[in-house]
Amino acid sequence: MHRDAKLLPEELASPPLYQLVVRALRSEILRGIYPVGGSLPSEHALVARFGVSRHTVREALRHLRDLGLVESRQGKGTSVLKPGAPQVYVHQINSISDLHDFNVESRYSDHSEGLRLNKAAALRIGGQVGETWLRIDGTRFDQQSGEAICSVEIFVPPWFAGIGRLLGRSSGPIYGLIEDVHGESIGEVSQVVRAIPAPPAVAEKLGLLADETTMEIQRVYRCLDGRVAEVTFNYYKASTFSLSMTMKRVRNP
């Protein structure tokens, strides 16, 4: 690997080579030498300019992409973005089970029922007026203390409602039962968290005062083809509820 004596004097040899290329190009981008919307020189030209390997140049360009200063497209080279352009962040989980509490036992009522949706119910769960959905009541308990920590209300659309006959044999998540019985796979889960006054049935289960604040987590599970598999409302005591997540910036390829 060759070094450009002007760019890489011996006293600056300790930083990785790609960082020195990044510093030079970043400075030139911010000074407008490479304007927004314009293109950086080709990899071949940068290799010749800085006297470094193609691998070093590619690593430097990757770092500039991570900084949000440039973007690369196949066949179109590397173009300059406006500094401070919005970056995409994601909340990454390894599996759907990461959304659920650990060391918790779920118990479902044996008396699940068909619910014919009126306008209010249809609006709440995203169904159609007149459809009959399976409604399931449940409670989640701390396995160590036995304390009820979450009240659960689950709605299953008509096309999967047959799983109601199997509730007495399962204490796991309903979406898992749907996957096993119908051979489906959950492809998407959306989640909304809000604080609301505890509904009377929830207050009774969790030992709350009437209208005491509770945290509601609504989750909508969808199959790979986009069909709704399950809509779940989880209610927690506000005094013991916490939610944490780590957001990571999407790294450009």
Protein backbone atom coordinates (compact mmCIF):
# COMPACT_ATOMS: atom_id res chain seq x y z
CA MET A 1 0.00 0.00 0.00
CA HIS A 2 1.43 3.36 -1.04
CA ARG A 3 1.25 6.59 0.93
CA ASP A 4 0.94 10.08 -0.50
CA ALA A 5 3.69 12.01 1.28
CA LYS A 6 1.75 15.29 1.20
CA LEU A 7 -1.46 13.80 2.57
CA LEU A 8 0.10 11.33 4.98
CA PRO A 9 3.27 12.75 6.59
CA GLU A 10 5.07 10.40 8.90
CA GLU A 11 3.87 12.17 12.03
CA LEU A 12 0.23 11.46 11.09
CA ALA A 13 0.77 7.81 10.26
CA SER A 14 -1.02 6.51 13.38
CA PRO A 15 -4.67 7.05 12.27
CA PRO A 16 -6.08 4.48 9.84
CA LEU A 17 -5.56 5.51 6.24
CA TYR A 18 -9.27 5.68 5.46
CA GLN A 19 -9.80 8.27 8.23
CA LEU A 20 -7.31 10.61 6.60
CA VAL A 21 -9.12 10.26 3.29
CA VAL A 22 -12.41 10.93 5.09
CA ARG A 23 -11.04 14.09 6.70
CA ALA A 24 -9.88 15.48 3.37
CA LEU A 25 -13.09 14.69 1.48
CA ARG A 26 -15.36 15.83 4.33
CA SER A 27 -13.54 19.17 4.49
CA GLU A 28 -13.91 19.62 0.74
CA ILE A 29 -17.61 18.72 0.82
CA LEU A 30 -18.32 21.18 3.65
CA ARG A 31 -16.35 23.93 1.82
CA GLY A 32 -18.44 23.39 -1.29
CA ILE A 33 -15.67 22.06 -3.51
CA TYR A 34 -18.05 19.17 -4.18
CA PRO A 35 -21.52 20.81 -4.25
CA VAL A 36 -24.74 19.20 -3.06
CA GLY A 37 -26.11 17.01 -5.84
CA GLY A 38 -22.73 16.77 -7.50
CA SER A 39 -20.53 13.69 -7.61
CA LEU A 40 -17.28 12.76 -5.96
CA PRO A 41 -14.44 11.57 -8.19
CA SER A 42 -14.49 7.89 -9.12
CA GLU A 43 -12.86 5.30 -6.89
CA HIS A 44 -10.05 4.97 -9.45
CA ALA A 45 -9.43 8.74 -9.35
CA LEU A 46 -9.42 8.78 -5.53
CA VAL A 47 -6.97 5.85 -5.41
CA ALA A 48 -4.64 7.77 -7.72
CA ARG A 49 -5.04 11.05 -5.80
CA PHE A 50 -4.42 9.73 -2.31
CA GLY A 51 -2.03 6.90 -3.19
CA VAL A 52 -4.01 4.33 -1.22
CA SER A 53 -5.68 1.03 -2.06
CA ARG A 54 -9.18 0.66 -3.49
CA HIS A 55 -10.20 -1.02 -0.22
CA THR A 56 -9.15 2.09 1.73
CA VAL A 57 -11.12 4.35 -0.61
CA ARG A 58 -14.22 2.17 -0.28
CA GLU A 59 -13.95 2.22 3.51
CA ALA A 60 -13.66 6.01 3.44
CA LEU A 61 -16.76 6.31 1.22
CA ARG A 62 -18.67 3.96 3.50
CA HIS A 63 -17.81 6.20 6.45
CA LEU A 64 -18.93 9.30 4.56
CA ARG A 65 -22.24 7.55 3.84
CA ASP A 66 -22.63 6.77 7.55
CA LEU A 67 -22.07 10.46 8.28
CA GLY A 68 -24.90 11.32 5.90
CA LEU A 69 -22.65 13.34 3.59
CA VAL A 70 -22.90 11.20 0.47
CA GLU A 71 -24.91 8.37 -1.06
CA SER A 72 -23.79 5.72 -3.51
CA ARG A 73 -25.91 4.15 -6.23
CA GLN A 74 -25.02 1.30 -8.50
CA GLY A 75 -23.88 2.68 -11.84
CA LYS A 76 -24.23 6.32 -10.74
CA GLY A 77 -21.22 6.77 -8.49
CA THR A 78 -21.20 8.70 -5.22
CA SER A 79 -23.20 11.93 -4.96
CA VAL A 80 -23.06 14.63 -2.28
CA LEU A 81 -25.99 15.14 0.11
CA LYS A 82 -26.96 18.24 2.01
CA PRO A 83 -25.13 18.21 5.38
CA GLY A 84 -27.54 17.46 8.20
CA ALA A 85 -29.98 15.56 5.98
CA PRO A 86 -32.32 13.32 8.03
CA GLN A 87 -30.92 9.90 8.88
CA VAL A 88 -32.95 6.71 9.18
CA TYR A 89 -32.95 4.96 12.57
CA VAL A 90 -34.48 1.60 13.40
CA HIS A 91 -35.54 -0.17 16.58
CA GLN A 92 -34.14 -3.65 16.11
CA ILE A 93 -35.46 -6.75 17.85
CA ASN A 94 -34.43 -10.35 17.27
CA SER A 95 -37.91 -11.91 17.43
CA ILE A 96 -41.52 -11.03 18.25
CA SER A 97 -41.04 -12.60 21.67
CA ASP A 98 -38.75 -9.68 22.53
CA LEU A 99 -41.90 -7.53 22.72
CA HIS A 100 -43.25 -9.56 25.62
CA ASP A 101 -42.45 -9.70 29.32
CA PHE A 102 -40.00 -12.26 30.68
CA ASN A 103 -40.91 -14.62 33.55
CA VAL A 104 -44.60 -14.06 32.93
CA GLU A 105 -47.39 -16.64 32.65
CA SER A 106 -50.40 -15.91 30.45
CA ARG A 107 -53.81 -17.31 31.36
CA TYR A 108 -56.77 -17.01 29.00
CA SER A 109 -60.44 -17.20 29.89
CA ASP A 110 -62.21 -20.40 28.88
CA HIS A 111 -65.19 -18.29 27.90
CA SER A 112 -63.98 -16.63 24.72
CA GLU A 113 -66.84 -15.20 22.67
CA GLY A 114 -67.74 -14.11 19.19
CA LEU A 115 -68.14 -10.34 18.96
CA ARG A 116 -70.19 -8.89 16.13
CA LEU A 117 -68.58 -5.54 15.39
CA ASN A 118 -70.60 -2.37 15.66
CA LYS A 119 -69.20 0.92 14.37
CA ALA A 120 -67.24 1.72 17.55
CA ALA A 121 -65.71 -1.77 17.83
CA ALA A 122 -64.82 -1.84 14.14
CA LEU A 123 -63.08 1.52 14.45
CA ARG A 124 -61.19 0.39 17.54
CA ILE A 125 -59.70 -2.78 16.07
CA GLY A 126 -59.69 -1.97 12.36
CA GLY A 127 -62.37 -4.47 11.34
CA GLN A 128 -65.52 -4.10 9.26
CA VAL A 129 -68.95 -3.42 10.73
CA GLY A 130 -70.92 -6.68 10.86
CA GLU A 131 -67.88 -8.98 11.03
CA THR A 132 -67.73 -11.45 13.93
CA TRP A 133 -64.34 -11.55 15.63
CA LEU A 134 -63.21 -13.86 18.42
CA ARG A 135 -62.69 -11.92 21.67
CA ILE A 136 -60.40 -13.41 24.33
CA ASP A 137 -59.80 -12.15 27.87
CA GLY A 138 -56.52 -12.90 29.55
CA THR A 139 -54.27 -12.01 32.46
CA ARG A 140 -50.50 -12.14 32.75
CA PHE A 141 -48.98 -13.04 36.11
CA ASP A 142 -45.50 -12.65 37.51
CA GLN A 143 -44.24 -16.23 37.86
CA GLN A 144 -42.36 -15.50 41.07
CA SER A 145 -44.88 -13.41 43.04
CA GLY A 146 -48.06 -14.63 41.35
CA GLU A 147 -49.20 -11.01 41.10
CA ALA A 148 -51.37 -9.95 38.15
CA ILE A 149 -49.27 -7.47 36.20
CA CYS A 150 -51.15 -7.15 32.91
CA SER A 151 -54.74 -7.42 31.71
CA VAL A 152 -55.07 -8.59 28.12
CA GLU A 153 -57.89 -8.21 25.60
CA ILE A 154 -57.35 -10.04 22.31
CA PHE A 155 -59.32 -9.92 19.08
CA VAL A 156 -58.90 -12.54 16.34
CA PRO A 157 -60.47 -11.99 12.89
CA PRO A 158 -63.02 -14.45 11.47
CA TRP A 159 -60.53 -16.23 9.22
CA PHE A 160 -58.53 -17.42 12.26
CA ALA A 161 -61.31 -17.55 14.87
CA GLY A 162 -61.26 -21.37 14.95
CA ILE A 163 -58.29 -21.26 17.34
CA GLY A 164 -60.78 -20.43 20.10
CA ARG A 165 -61.44 -24.16 20.49
CA LEU A 166 -57.79 -24.69 21.48
CA LEU A 167 -57.39 -22.02 24.13
CA GLY A 168 -57.65 -24.47 27.02
CA ARG A 169 -54.54 -26.27 25.75
CA SER A 170 -52.28 -23.25 25.39
CA SER A 171 -50.86 -20.54 27.64
CA GLY A 172 -48.48 -19.11 25.06
CA PRO A 173 -49.04 -16.15 22.75
CA ILE A 174 -52.11 -16.30 20.51
CA TYR A 175 -50.15 -15.36 17.40
CA GLY A 176 -48.04 -18.49 17.95
CA LEU A 177 -51.18 -20.61 18.03
CA ILE A 178 -52.34 -19.02 14.77
CA GLU A 179 -48.98 -19.74 13.15
CA ASP A 180 -49.02 -23.38 14.29
CA VAL A 181 -52.61 -24.18 13.38
CA HIS A 182 -52.91 -22.26 10.11
CA GLY A 183 -49.32 -22.48 8.88
CA GLU A 184 -49.01 -18.70 8.74
CA SER A 185 -46.04 -16.50 9.60
CA ILE A 186 -46.26 -13.09 11.25
CA GLY A 187 -44.53 -10.57 9.01
CA GLU A 188 -45.27 -7.30 10.80
CA VAL A 189 -46.19 -6.04 14.26
CA SER A 190 -47.22 -2.43 14.87
CA GLN A 191 -47.43 -1.00 18.38
CA VAL A 192 -49.03 2.05 20.00
CA VAL A 193 -48.50 3.01 23.67
CA ARG A 194 -50.72 5.48 25.50
CA ALA A 195 -51.91 6.40 28.99
CA ILE A 196 -55.67 6.09 29.63
CA PRO A 197 -58.07 5.78 32.60
CA ALA A 198 -58.34 2.09 33.52
CA PRO A 199 -61.53 0.47 32.15
CA PRO A 200 -63.57 -1.05 35.02
CA ALA A 201 -62.71 -4.67 34.16
CA VAL A 202 -59.00 -3.81 33.98
CA ALA A 203 -59.09 -1.93 37.29
CA GLU A 204 -60.66 -4.96 38.97
CA LYS A 205 -58.06 -7.39 37.60
CA LEU A 206 -55.05 -5.23 38.50
CA GLY A 207 -56.35 -3.91 41.82
CA LEU A 208 -56.57 -0.31 40.64
CA LEU A 209 -58.87 2.47 41.77
CA ALA A 210 -61.70 3.49 39.45
CA ASP A 211 -60.33 5.57 36.55
CA GLU A 212 -56.74 5.21 37.83
CA THR A 213 -54.26 5.74 35.01
CA THR A 214 -53.14 2.64 33.17
CA MET A 215 -50.73 2.14 30.28
CA GLU A 216 -52.31 0.61 27.19
CA ILE A 217 -50.18 -1.13 24.57
CA GLN A 218 -52.04 -1.93 21.39
CA ARG A 219 -50.38 -4.36 19.00
CA VAL A 220 -51.56 -5.38 15.54
CA TYR A 221 -50.05 -8.59 14.15
CA ARG A 222 -50.14 -9.06 10.37
CA CYS A 223 -49.34 -12.10 8.25
CA LEU A 224 -46.84 -11.98 5.40
CA ASP A 225 -49.71 -11.31 2.97
CA GLY A 226 -50.85 -8.28 5.00
CA ARG A 227 -53.93 -9.84 6.60
CA VAL A 228 -54.55 -9.05 10.26
CA ALA A 229 -53.91 -12.09 12.46
CA GLU A 230 -54.52 -10.57 15.88
CA VAL A 231 -55.20 -7.26 17.62
CA THR A 232 -54.16 -7.13 21.26
CA PHE A 233 -54.69 -4.56 24.02
CA ASN A 234 -52.35 -4.94 27.02
CA TYR A 235 -53.01 -2.89 30.16
CA TYR A 236 -50.35 -2.27 32.83
CA LYS A 237 -50.31 -0.33 36.08
CA ALA A 238 -48.80 3.06 35.28
CA SER A 239 -46.86 3.03 38.57
CA THR A 240 -44.88 -0.07 37.55
CA PHE A 241 -44.74 0.36 33.78
CA SER A 242 -41.51 1.07 31.91
CA LEU A 243 -40.54 0.87 28.24
CA SER A 244 -37.01 1.00 26.90
CA MET A 245 -35.52 0.69 23.44
CA THR A 246 -32.30 1.32 21.56
CA MET A 247 -32.44 3.10 18.21
CA LYS A 248 -29.67 2.37 15.73
CA ARG A 249 -28.91 4.36 12.61
CA VAL A 250 -29.28 2.43 9.38
CA ARG A 251 -25.88 1.84 7.87
CA ASN A 252 -25.70 2.25 4.13
CA PRO A 253 -24.28 -0.70 2.22
